[in-house]
Amino acid sequence: MTYRRVGQPSFADALVSRRGKGNPALKRIGELVDWAAVELVLRGLPEPERGAPPYPRLVMFKALLLQQWYGLSDPELE
């Protein structure tokens, strides 16, 4: 299965790298969470059969977390 390439910085990247200080909460979460283990769990999801290549599952999962934590609507998350 092919995945979309995510070539531009994400919302999370922008928050972390803003003004060089970053977001301490997101940095701490990045240190505490074993993202490799999360990605392993996400691999068990079924593959889409049609349509454009999907974004990587871990990227989408992190986006959903940001959406919940920051109270973002779908358009705001985009």
Protein backbone atom coordinates (compact mmCIF):
# COMPACT_ATOMS: atom_id res chain seq x y z
CA MET A 1 0.00 0.00 0.00
CA THR A 2 1.31 3.44 -0.88
CA TYR A 3 0.80 6.45 1.35
CA ARG A 4 0.71 10.15 0.69
CA ARG A 5 3.93 11.93 1.33
CA VAL A 6 3.60 14.56 3.98
CA GLY A 7 6.05 17.16 2.77
CA GLN A 8 4.93 20.28 4.57
CA PRO A 9 5.17 20.98 8.29
CA SER A 10 2.12 19.92 10.26
CA PHE A 11 0.12 21.96 12.74
CA ALA A 12 1.99 20.17 15.51
CA ASP A 13 5.34 21.04 13.91
CA ALA A 14 4.27 24.68 13.78
CA LEU A 15 3.31 24.64 17.46
CA VAL A 16 6.53 22.97 18.53
CA SER A 17 8.86 25.13 16.45
CA ARG A 18 7.08 28.47 16.96
CA ARG A 19 9.54 31.19 17.99
CA GLY A 20 12.15 28.56 18.79
CA LYS A 21 10.57 27.84 22.18
CA GLY A 22 8.04 25.27 21.05
CA ASN A 23 5.05 24.00 22.95
CA PRO A 24 6.25 22.40 26.18
CA ALA A 25 3.12 20.26 26.51
CA LEU A 26 3.52 18.77 23.04
CA LYS A 27 7.23 18.23 23.58
CA ARG A 28 6.50 16.37 26.83
CA ILE A 29 3.85 14.22 25.15
CA GLY A 30 6.34 13.40 22.40
CA GLU A 31 8.80 12.24 25.06
CA LEU A 32 6.27 10.18 27.01
CA VAL A 33 4.39 8.40 24.23
CA ASP A 34 5.95 5.43 22.47
CA TRP A 35 4.83 6.38 18.95
CA ALA A 36 6.35 3.22 17.46
CA ALA A 37 4.04 1.12 19.63
CA VAL A 38 1.04 3.24 18.63
CA GLU A 39 1.96 2.84 14.96
CA LEU A 40 2.17 -0.92 15.44
CA VAL A 41 -1.41 -0.97 16.76
CA LEU A 42 -2.61 1.26 13.92
CA ARG A 43 -1.17 -1.15 11.35
CA GLY A 44 -3.94 -3.59 12.28
CA LEU A 45 -6.56 -1.34 10.68
CA PRO A 46 -7.93 -2.46 7.31
CA GLU A 47 -6.39 -0.97 4.17
CA PRO A 48 -8.63 1.18 1.94
CA GLU A 49 -9.54 -0.56 -1.31
CA ARG A 50 -10.24 2.51 -3.47
CA GLY A 51 -9.50 6.16 -3.78
CA ALA A 52 -6.42 8.29 -3.44
CA PRO A 53 -3.51 7.05 -1.35
CA PRO A 54 -4.21 7.65 2.34
CA TYR A 55 -2.11 9.72 4.68
CA PRO A 56 0.08 7.72 7.06
CA ARG A 57 -2.00 6.35 9.91
CA LEU A 58 0.20 7.77 12.64
CA VAL A 59 -0.05 11.26 11.12
CA MET A 60 -3.84 11.03 11.07
CA PHE A 61 -3.92 9.72 14.64
CA LYS A 62 -1.78 12.61 15.86
CA ALA A 63 -4.02 15.05 13.97
CA LEU A 64 -7.08 13.62 15.72
CA LEU A 65 -5.37 14.00 19.08
CA LEU A 66 -4.58 17.65 18.34
CA GLN A 67 -8.17 18.18 17.24
CA GLN A 68 -9.46 16.87 20.56
CA TRP A 69 -6.91 18.65 22.75
CA TYR A 70 -7.30 22.06 21.09
CA GLY A 71 -11.04 21.86 20.31
CA LEU A 72 -10.53 22.24 16.56
CA SER A 73 -13.26 21.77 13.99
CA ASP A 74 -12.54 19.71 10.88
CA PRO A 75 -11.83 22.82 8.73
CA GLU A 76 -9.57 24.25 11.47
CA LEU A 77 -7.65 21.00 11.62
CA GLU A 78 -7.05 21.11 7.87
